[in-house]
N, C-alpha and C. Protein backbone atom coordinates (compact mmCIF):
# COMPACT_ATOMS: atom_id res chain seq x y z
N MET A 1 24.44 -17.30 -10.91
CA MET A 1 23.02 -17.39 -10.62
C MET A 1 22.30 -16.22 -11.29
N TYR A 2 21.14 -16.51 -11.84
CA TYR A 2 20.29 -15.49 -12.45
C TYR A 2 18.98 -15.45 -11.66
N PRO A 3 18.77 -14.40 -10.84
CA PRO A 3 17.53 -14.33 -10.05
C PRO A 3 16.30 -14.26 -10.96
N MET A 4 15.32 -15.06 -10.64
CA MET A 4 14.07 -15.09 -11.41
C MET A 4 13.09 -14.10 -10.79
N LYS A 5 12.48 -13.27 -11.63
CA LYS A 5 11.47 -12.33 -11.13
C LYS A 5 10.17 -13.09 -10.83
N ILE A 6 9.57 -12.75 -9.70
CA ILE A 6 8.27 -13.31 -9.35
C ILE A 6 7.35 -12.15 -8.98
N THR A 7 6.06 -12.39 -9.08
CA THR A 7 5.08 -11.37 -8.71
C THR A 7 4.81 -11.45 -7.21
N PRO A 8 4.25 -10.40 -6.64
CA PRO A 8 3.87 -10.47 -5.22
C PRO A 8 2.88 -11.61 -4.94
N GLU A 9 1.98 -11.86 -5.89
CA GLU A 9 1.00 -12.93 -5.71
C GLU A 9 1.68 -14.30 -5.70
N GLU A 10 2.69 -14.49 -6.56
CA GLU A 10 3.45 -15.74 -6.56
C GLU A 10 4.20 -15.89 -5.24
N TYR A 11 4.79 -14.79 -4.77
CA TYR A 11 5.49 -14.85 -3.49
C TYR A 11 4.54 -15.34 -2.39
N ALA A 12 3.35 -14.75 -2.33
CA ALA A 12 2.38 -15.11 -1.28
C ALA A 12 1.95 -16.57 -1.39
N LYS A 13 1.91 -17.10 -2.61
CA LYS A 13 1.53 -18.50 -2.80
C LYS A 13 2.62 -19.45 -2.29
N TYR A 14 3.86 -19.17 -2.63
CA TYR A 14 4.94 -20.09 -2.30
C TYR A 14 5.54 -19.85 -0.91
N PHE A 15 5.44 -18.63 -0.41
CA PHE A 15 5.96 -18.31 0.92
C PHE A 15 4.77 -18.00 1.84
N ALA A 16 3.97 -18.99 2.13
CA ALA A 16 2.76 -18.80 2.92
C ALA A 16 3.10 -18.28 4.32
N PRO A 17 2.27 -17.38 4.84
CA PRO A 17 2.55 -16.82 6.17
C PRO A 17 2.26 -17.78 7.31
N ALA A 18 2.95 -17.58 8.42
CA ALA A 18 2.76 -18.36 9.64
C ALA A 18 1.45 -17.92 10.32
N PRO A 19 1.03 -18.63 11.39
CA PRO A 19 -0.21 -18.25 12.08
C PRO A 19 -0.21 -16.77 12.49
N ASP A 20 -1.35 -16.14 12.34
CA ASP A 20 -1.59 -14.75 12.76
C ASP A 20 -0.89 -13.71 11.90
N ILE A 21 -0.30 -14.11 10.78
CA ILE A 21 0.47 -13.19 9.94
C ILE A 21 -0.21 -12.97 8.60
N LEU A 22 -0.08 -11.76 8.09
CA LEU A 22 -0.57 -11.39 6.76
C LEU A 22 0.62 -11.04 5.89
N ILE A 23 0.49 -11.27 4.60
CA ILE A 23 1.44 -10.72 3.63
C ILE A 23 0.71 -9.58 2.96
N VAL A 24 1.32 -8.40 3.02
CA VAL A 24 0.66 -7.18 2.55
C VAL A 24 1.55 -6.49 1.52
N LYS A 25 0.92 -6.06 0.43
CA LYS A 25 1.60 -5.25 -0.58
C LYS A 25 1.25 -3.80 -0.29
N ARG A 26 2.25 -3.02 0.04
CA ARG A 26 2.00 -1.61 0.38
C ARG A 26 1.44 -0.86 -0.82
N TYR A 27 0.49 -0.01 -0.56
CA TYR A 27 -0.03 0.87 -1.59
C TYR A 27 0.89 2.09 -1.60
N LEU A 28 1.76 2.17 -2.61
CA LEU A 28 2.75 3.24 -2.68
C LEU A 28 2.18 4.44 -3.43
N VAL A 29 2.56 5.61 -2.99
CA VAL A 29 2.11 6.86 -3.58
C VAL A 29 3.31 7.59 -4.14
N ASP A 30 3.17 8.15 -5.33
CA ASP A 30 4.25 8.94 -5.93
C ASP A 30 4.14 10.36 -5.37
N TYR A 31 5.06 10.67 -4.46
CA TYR A 31 5.07 11.98 -3.83
C TYR A 31 5.99 12.97 -4.53
N SER A 32 6.49 12.63 -5.72
CA SER A 32 7.47 13.49 -6.38
C SER A 32 6.88 14.84 -6.79
N LYS A 33 5.59 14.84 -7.10
CA LYS A 33 4.93 16.09 -7.49
C LYS A 33 3.50 16.12 -6.99
N VAL A 34 3.02 17.30 -6.72
CA VAL A 34 1.61 17.53 -6.49
C VAL A 34 1.21 18.54 -7.55
N GLY A 35 0.42 18.08 -8.53
CA GLY A 35 0.15 18.94 -9.69
C GLY A 35 1.46 19.18 -10.42
N ARG A 36 1.83 20.43 -10.58
CA ARG A 36 3.11 20.76 -11.23
C ARG A 36 4.16 21.18 -10.22
N ILE A 37 3.89 21.02 -8.96
CA ILE A 37 4.82 21.43 -7.91
C ILE A 37 5.68 20.24 -7.51
N ALA A 38 6.99 20.38 -7.66
CA ALA A 38 7.92 19.31 -7.27
C ALA A 38 8.10 19.32 -5.76
N ILE A 39 8.09 18.14 -5.17
CA ILE A 39 8.24 18.00 -3.72
C ILE A 39 9.67 17.57 -3.41
N PRO A 40 10.37 18.26 -2.52
CA PRO A 40 11.74 17.88 -2.16
C PRO A 40 11.80 16.47 -1.56
N GLY A 41 12.93 15.80 -1.77
CA GLY A 41 13.11 14.43 -1.29
C GLY A 41 12.91 14.25 0.19
N THR A 42 13.34 15.21 1.00
CA THR A 42 13.18 15.08 2.45
C THR A 42 11.71 15.09 2.85
N VAL A 43 10.92 15.90 2.17
CA VAL A 43 9.48 15.95 2.45
C VAL A 43 8.83 14.64 2.00
N GLN A 44 9.26 14.11 0.86
CA GLN A 44 8.73 12.84 0.38
C GLN A 44 8.99 11.73 1.39
N GLN A 45 10.22 11.66 1.90
CA GLN A 45 10.58 10.61 2.86
C GLN A 45 9.78 10.75 4.15
N ALA A 46 9.58 11.97 4.61
CA ALA A 46 8.80 12.19 5.82
C ALA A 46 7.35 11.76 5.62
N SER A 47 6.83 11.94 4.41
CA SER A 47 5.44 11.58 4.13
C SER A 47 5.25 10.08 4.03
N MET A 48 6.29 9.33 3.65
CA MET A 48 6.18 7.88 3.47
C MET A 48 5.71 7.19 4.75
N ARG A 49 6.03 7.73 5.91
CA ARG A 49 5.61 7.05 7.14
C ARG A 49 4.09 7.07 7.31
N PHE A 50 3.41 7.93 6.55
CA PHE A 50 1.96 7.97 6.64
C PHE A 50 1.28 7.06 5.62
N VAL A 51 2.05 6.45 4.72
CA VAL A 51 1.48 5.53 3.75
C VAL A 51 1.29 4.19 4.46
N THR A 52 0.10 3.97 4.91
CA THR A 52 -0.14 2.81 5.77
C THR A 52 -1.30 1.97 5.29
N VAL A 53 -1.48 1.89 3.99
CA VAL A 53 -2.54 1.05 3.43
C VAL A 53 -1.87 -0.05 2.62
N GLY A 54 -2.40 -1.25 2.75
CA GLY A 54 -1.83 -2.35 1.99
C GLY A 54 -2.89 -3.28 1.45
N LYS A 55 -2.60 -3.86 0.30
CA LYS A 55 -3.45 -4.90 -0.28
C LYS A 55 -3.03 -6.22 0.33
N VAL A 56 -3.97 -6.96 0.84
CA VAL A 56 -3.67 -8.24 1.48
C VAL A 56 -3.46 -9.29 0.40
N LEU A 57 -2.25 -9.84 0.36
CA LEU A 57 -1.92 -10.88 -0.61
C LEU A 57 -2.17 -12.27 -0.05
N ALA A 58 -1.99 -12.43 1.25
CA ALA A 58 -2.20 -13.73 1.88
C ALA A 58 -2.52 -13.55 3.35
N VAL A 59 -3.45 -14.37 3.81
CA VAL A 59 -3.80 -14.45 5.22
C VAL A 59 -3.47 -15.89 5.64
N SER A 60 -2.81 -16.04 6.75
CA SER A 60 -2.39 -17.36 7.19
C SER A 60 -3.58 -18.32 7.28
N ASP A 61 -3.38 -19.53 6.76
CA ASP A 61 -4.39 -20.58 6.87
C ASP A 61 -4.21 -21.40 8.14
N HIS A 62 -3.13 -21.15 8.86
CA HIS A 62 -2.84 -21.90 10.08
C HIS A 62 -3.69 -21.37 11.24
N ALA A 63 -3.98 -22.25 12.18
CA ALA A 63 -4.82 -21.89 13.33
C ALA A 63 -4.17 -20.78 14.14
N SER A 64 -4.97 -19.82 14.54
CA SER A 64 -4.49 -18.68 15.32
C SER A 64 -4.60 -18.95 16.80
N GLU A 65 -3.95 -18.08 17.57
CA GLU A 65 -3.90 -18.29 19.02
C GLU A 65 -5.21 -17.94 19.72
N THR A 66 -6.05 -17.10 19.11
CA THR A 66 -7.31 -16.72 19.76
C THR A 66 -8.46 -16.68 18.75
N GLU A 67 -9.67 -16.76 19.28
CA GLU A 67 -10.86 -16.64 18.43
C GLU A 67 -10.94 -15.25 17.80
N TRP A 68 -10.50 -14.24 18.55
CA TRP A 68 -10.56 -12.87 18.04
C TRP A 68 -9.70 -12.73 16.78
N ILE A 69 -8.51 -13.32 16.78
CA ILE A 69 -7.64 -13.25 15.60
C ILE A 69 -8.28 -14.01 14.44
N GLU A 70 -8.90 -15.14 14.71
CA GLU A 70 -9.60 -15.87 13.64
C GLU A 70 -10.71 -15.00 13.05
N TYR A 71 -11.45 -14.32 13.91
CA TYR A 71 -12.50 -13.40 13.44
C TYR A 71 -11.90 -12.30 12.57
N MET A 72 -10.81 -11.69 13.04
CA MET A 72 -10.16 -10.62 12.29
C MET A 72 -9.65 -11.12 10.93
N LYS A 73 -9.08 -12.32 10.91
CA LYS A 73 -8.58 -12.87 9.65
C LYS A 73 -9.72 -13.01 8.63
N GLU A 74 -10.88 -13.43 9.08
CA GLU A 74 -12.03 -13.57 8.17
C GLU A 74 -12.48 -12.19 7.64
N GLU A 75 -12.52 -11.21 8.52
CA GLU A 75 -12.92 -9.86 8.09
C GLU A 75 -11.89 -9.26 7.13
N ILE A 76 -10.62 -9.51 7.40
CA ILE A 76 -9.55 -9.00 6.53
C ILE A 76 -9.64 -9.65 5.15
N LYS A 77 -9.93 -10.96 5.10
CA LYS A 77 -10.08 -11.65 3.82
C LYS A 77 -11.21 -11.03 3.01
N LYS A 78 -12.32 -10.69 3.67
CA LYS A 78 -13.46 -10.09 2.97
C LYS A 78 -13.09 -8.75 2.35
N SER A 79 -12.35 -7.95 3.09
CA SER A 79 -12.01 -6.60 2.65
C SER A 79 -10.93 -6.60 1.58
N GLY A 80 -9.84 -7.29 1.85
CA GLY A 80 -8.73 -7.32 0.91
C GLY A 80 -7.73 -6.18 1.09
N TYR A 81 -8.06 -5.18 1.91
CA TYR A 81 -7.16 -4.06 2.17
C TYR A 81 -7.18 -3.73 3.65
N VAL A 82 -6.02 -3.36 4.18
CA VAL A 82 -5.93 -2.99 5.59
C VAL A 82 -5.12 -1.72 5.76
N GLY A 83 -5.37 -1.03 6.86
CA GLY A 83 -4.54 0.09 7.29
C GLY A 83 -3.70 -0.40 8.45
N PHE A 84 -2.47 0.10 8.53
CA PHE A 84 -1.58 -0.35 9.59
C PHE A 84 -0.53 0.72 9.85
N ALA A 85 0.10 0.64 11.02
CA ALA A 85 1.18 1.56 11.36
C ALA A 85 2.42 1.10 10.61
N SER A 86 2.92 1.92 9.71
CA SER A 86 3.97 1.47 8.78
C SER A 86 5.27 1.06 9.46
N HIS A 87 5.52 1.54 10.66
CA HIS A 87 6.79 1.19 11.30
C HIS A 87 6.84 -0.25 11.80
N ILE A 88 5.73 -0.95 11.85
CA ILE A 88 5.74 -2.30 12.39
C ILE A 88 5.88 -3.38 11.31
N ILE A 89 5.80 -3.02 10.07
CA ILE A 89 5.89 -4.04 9.03
C ILE A 89 7.34 -4.47 8.83
N ALA A 90 7.54 -5.76 8.57
CA ALA A 90 8.86 -6.31 8.29
C ALA A 90 8.89 -6.71 6.82
N GLU A 91 10.02 -6.50 6.18
CA GLU A 91 10.14 -6.94 4.80
C GLU A 91 10.04 -8.46 4.74
N CYS A 92 9.46 -8.96 3.68
CA CYS A 92 9.33 -10.40 3.53
C CYS A 92 10.68 -11.05 3.27
N PRO A 93 10.93 -12.20 3.88
CA PRO A 93 12.18 -12.91 3.62
C PRO A 93 12.20 -13.38 2.17
N MET A 94 13.37 -13.31 1.55
CA MET A 94 13.48 -13.67 0.13
C MET A 94 14.78 -14.42 -0.09
N LEU A 95 14.73 -15.47 -0.87
CA LEU A 95 15.93 -16.19 -1.27
C LEU A 95 16.58 -15.44 -2.43
N PRO A 96 17.90 -15.53 -2.57
CA PRO A 96 18.57 -14.78 -3.64
C PRO A 96 18.20 -15.27 -5.05
N GLN A 97 17.58 -16.44 -5.16
CA GLN A 97 17.19 -16.95 -6.47
C GLN A 97 15.99 -16.21 -7.06
N PHE A 98 15.30 -15.42 -6.22
CA PHE A 98 14.07 -14.75 -6.64
C PHE A 98 14.17 -13.26 -6.36
N GLU A 99 13.45 -12.48 -7.15
CA GLU A 99 13.38 -11.05 -6.86
C GLU A 99 12.03 -10.50 -7.31
N LEU A 100 11.58 -9.51 -6.58
CA LEU A 100 10.34 -8.81 -6.90
C LEU A 100 10.68 -7.58 -7.72
N PRO A 101 9.72 -7.06 -8.47
CA PRO A 101 9.97 -5.79 -9.17
C PRO A 101 10.40 -4.72 -8.17
N LYS A 102 11.28 -3.84 -8.59
CA LYS A 102 11.88 -2.84 -7.69
C LYS A 102 10.85 -1.83 -7.15
N ASP A 103 9.75 -1.62 -7.85
CA ASP A 103 8.76 -0.64 -7.41
C ASP A 103 7.67 -1.26 -6.55
N ILE A 104 7.89 -2.48 -6.07
CA ILE A 104 6.92 -3.20 -5.24
C ILE A 104 7.48 -3.33 -3.83
N SER A 105 6.64 -3.10 -2.83
CA SER A 105 7.04 -3.27 -1.44
C SER A 105 6.02 -4.18 -0.76
N ILE A 106 6.48 -5.37 -0.36
CA ILE A 106 5.60 -6.28 0.37
C ILE A 106 6.22 -6.58 1.72
N GLY A 107 5.38 -6.92 2.67
CA GLY A 107 5.90 -7.19 4.00
C GLY A 107 4.99 -8.10 4.79
N LEU A 108 5.47 -8.48 5.95
CA LEU A 108 4.73 -9.32 6.89
C LEU A 108 4.12 -8.44 7.97
N LEU A 109 2.90 -8.73 8.31
CA LEU A 109 2.18 -7.92 9.28
C LEU A 109 1.39 -8.83 10.19
N HIS A 110 1.48 -8.61 11.49
CA HIS A 110 0.69 -9.39 12.44
C HIS A 110 -0.74 -8.87 12.42
N VAL A 111 -1.69 -9.78 12.53
CA VAL A 111 -3.11 -9.39 12.51
C VAL A 111 -3.40 -8.34 13.59
N ARG A 112 -2.75 -8.45 14.75
CA ARG A 112 -2.99 -7.49 15.83
C ARG A 112 -2.54 -6.07 15.47
N ASP A 113 -1.66 -5.94 14.48
CA ASP A 113 -1.17 -4.62 14.09
C ASP A 113 -2.04 -3.93 13.05
N VAL A 114 -3.10 -4.58 12.62
CA VAL A 114 -4.04 -3.96 11.69
C VAL A 114 -4.84 -2.92 12.46
N THR A 115 -4.84 -1.71 11.96
CA THR A 115 -5.58 -0.63 12.63
C THR A 115 -6.90 -0.31 11.94
N GLN A 116 -7.03 -0.72 10.67
CA GLN A 116 -8.26 -0.47 9.92
C GLN A 116 -8.49 -1.60 8.94
N ILE A 117 -9.74 -1.91 8.70
CA ILE A 117 -10.13 -2.83 7.64
C ILE A 117 -10.93 -2.00 6.66
N LEU A 118 -10.36 -1.78 5.49
CA LEU A 118 -10.95 -0.87 4.52
C LEU A 118 -12.10 -1.53 3.77
N SER A 119 -13.06 -0.72 3.37
CA SER A 119 -14.16 -1.24 2.56
C SER A 119 -14.20 -0.47 1.25
N ASN A 120 -14.42 -1.19 0.18
CA ASN A 120 -14.54 -0.60 -1.16
C ASN A 120 -13.38 0.31 -1.53
N PHE A 121 -12.16 -0.08 -1.16
CA PHE A 121 -10.99 0.75 -1.41
C PHE A 121 -10.73 0.93 -2.90
N GLU A 122 -10.92 -0.12 -3.69
CA GLU A 122 -10.70 -0.01 -5.14
C GLU A 122 -11.66 1.00 -5.76
N GLU A 123 -12.89 1.02 -5.27
CA GLU A 123 -13.89 2.00 -5.74
C GLU A 123 -13.42 3.41 -5.41
N LEU A 124 -12.89 3.61 -4.22
CA LEU A 124 -12.39 4.92 -3.82
C LEU A 124 -11.21 5.35 -4.69
N LEU A 125 -10.31 4.41 -5.01
CA LEU A 125 -9.18 4.73 -5.87
C LEU A 125 -9.64 5.12 -7.28
N GLU A 126 -10.67 4.45 -7.78
CA GLU A 126 -11.23 4.81 -9.09
C GLU A 126 -11.82 6.22 -9.05
N ARG A 127 -12.54 6.53 -7.99
CA ARG A 127 -13.10 7.89 -7.84
C ARG A 127 -11.99 8.93 -7.81
N GLN A 128 -10.90 8.64 -7.07
CA GLN A 128 -9.80 9.59 -6.98
C GLN A 128 -9.15 9.78 -8.34
N SER A 129 -9.00 8.70 -9.10
CA SER A 129 -8.41 8.79 -10.43
C SER A 129 -9.26 9.65 -11.35
N GLU A 130 -10.56 9.47 -11.30
CA GLU A 130 -11.48 10.29 -12.09
C GLU A 130 -11.41 11.76 -11.66
N TYR A 131 -11.35 11.99 -10.35
CA TYR A 131 -11.24 13.34 -9.81
C TYR A 131 -9.96 14.02 -10.30
N GLU A 132 -8.84 13.28 -10.23
CA GLU A 132 -7.56 13.84 -10.67
C GLU A 132 -7.60 14.19 -12.15
N LYS A 133 -8.21 13.31 -12.95
CA LYS A 133 -8.35 13.56 -14.39
C LYS A 133 -9.17 14.83 -14.63
N LYS A 134 -10.28 14.96 -13.90
CA LYS A 134 -11.14 16.14 -14.04
C LYS A 134 -10.41 17.41 -13.63
N MET A 135 -9.68 17.34 -12.51
CA MET A 135 -8.95 18.52 -12.04
C MET A 135 -7.88 18.94 -13.06
N THR A 136 -7.23 17.96 -13.68
CA THR A 136 -6.22 18.27 -14.69
C THR A 136 -6.87 18.93 -15.90
N GLU A 137 -8.02 18.42 -16.33
CA GLU A 137 -8.72 18.99 -17.47
C GLU A 137 -9.24 20.39 -17.15
N ASP A 138 -9.81 20.58 -15.96
CA ASP A 138 -10.39 21.86 -15.57
C ASP A 138 -9.35 22.94 -15.34
N HIS A 139 -8.22 22.56 -14.77
CA HIS A 139 -7.24 23.56 -14.36
C HIS A 139 -6.01 23.65 -15.26
N GLY A 140 -5.82 22.66 -16.12
CA GLY A 140 -4.67 22.71 -17.03
C GLY A 140 -3.38 22.95 -16.29
N ASN A 141 -2.75 24.08 -16.55
CA ASN A 141 -1.46 24.40 -15.93
C ASN A 141 -1.61 25.18 -14.64
N VAL A 142 -2.81 25.33 -14.14
CA VAL A 142 -3.01 26.10 -12.91
C VAL A 142 -3.13 25.11 -11.75
N VAL A 143 -2.35 25.35 -10.70
CA VAL A 143 -2.37 24.48 -9.53
C VAL A 143 -2.73 25.32 -8.31
N SER A 144 -3.79 24.95 -7.62
CA SER A 144 -4.18 25.66 -6.41
C SER A 144 -3.50 25.02 -5.22
N LEU A 145 -2.76 25.80 -4.46
CA LEU A 145 -2.16 25.29 -3.23
C LEU A 145 -3.10 25.49 -2.05
N SER A 146 -3.82 26.58 -2.07
CA SER A 146 -4.81 26.88 -1.04
C SER A 146 -5.82 27.83 -1.69
N PRO A 147 -6.94 28.08 -1.04
CA PRO A 147 -7.91 28.98 -1.65
C PRO A 147 -7.34 30.37 -1.94
N SER A 148 -6.30 30.80 -1.23
CA SER A 148 -5.80 32.14 -1.42
C SER A 148 -4.52 32.23 -2.26
N LEU A 149 -3.96 31.07 -2.68
CA LEU A 149 -2.71 31.08 -3.40
C LEU A 149 -2.84 30.25 -4.68
N ILE A 150 -2.69 30.89 -5.82
CA ILE A 150 -2.78 30.18 -7.10
C ILE A 150 -1.51 30.49 -7.88
N ILE A 151 -0.91 29.43 -8.39
CA ILE A 151 0.30 29.60 -9.22
C ILE A 151 -0.07 29.22 -10.64
N LYS A 152 0.18 30.12 -11.57
CA LYS A 152 -0.14 29.84 -12.96
C LYS A 152 1.07 29.22 -13.66
N GLY A 153 0.79 28.22 -14.50
CA GLY A 153 1.84 27.53 -15.24
C GLY A 153 2.26 28.33 -16.46
N ASP A 154 3.21 27.74 -17.21
CA ASP A 154 3.72 28.40 -18.41
C ASP A 154 2.64 28.60 -19.45
């Protein structure tokens, strides 16, 4: 057997969620470095539990158990991004004939486990990208850890 690669969007199309369930693609952060400072693996793993934002790939089209969940599903669809407690997400079931890219993490999330409905998240990510670019240009090899501690690069 040769597993066929599929995208998260294809997964969400063919493996539609049950009532009250979302398919969410986790927004992963590269914690390996902050500026030029390498972060140890144990610190990276501890920080992963705080990565609790996901792009909504699918919202169940099936009838929900309450009007409140139906309302939440509509609001989640409008936003496209949610915040959630990362320990409650379950990995999506997958047949061995298919595989997702290794750097992608998608999971199933109950609507009740959504803690935030984000607004304009893509705009915020663009702002952060521009900020990071500016900080790199302005500081070059200099990385500020705090107002009182500056480490100069090579």
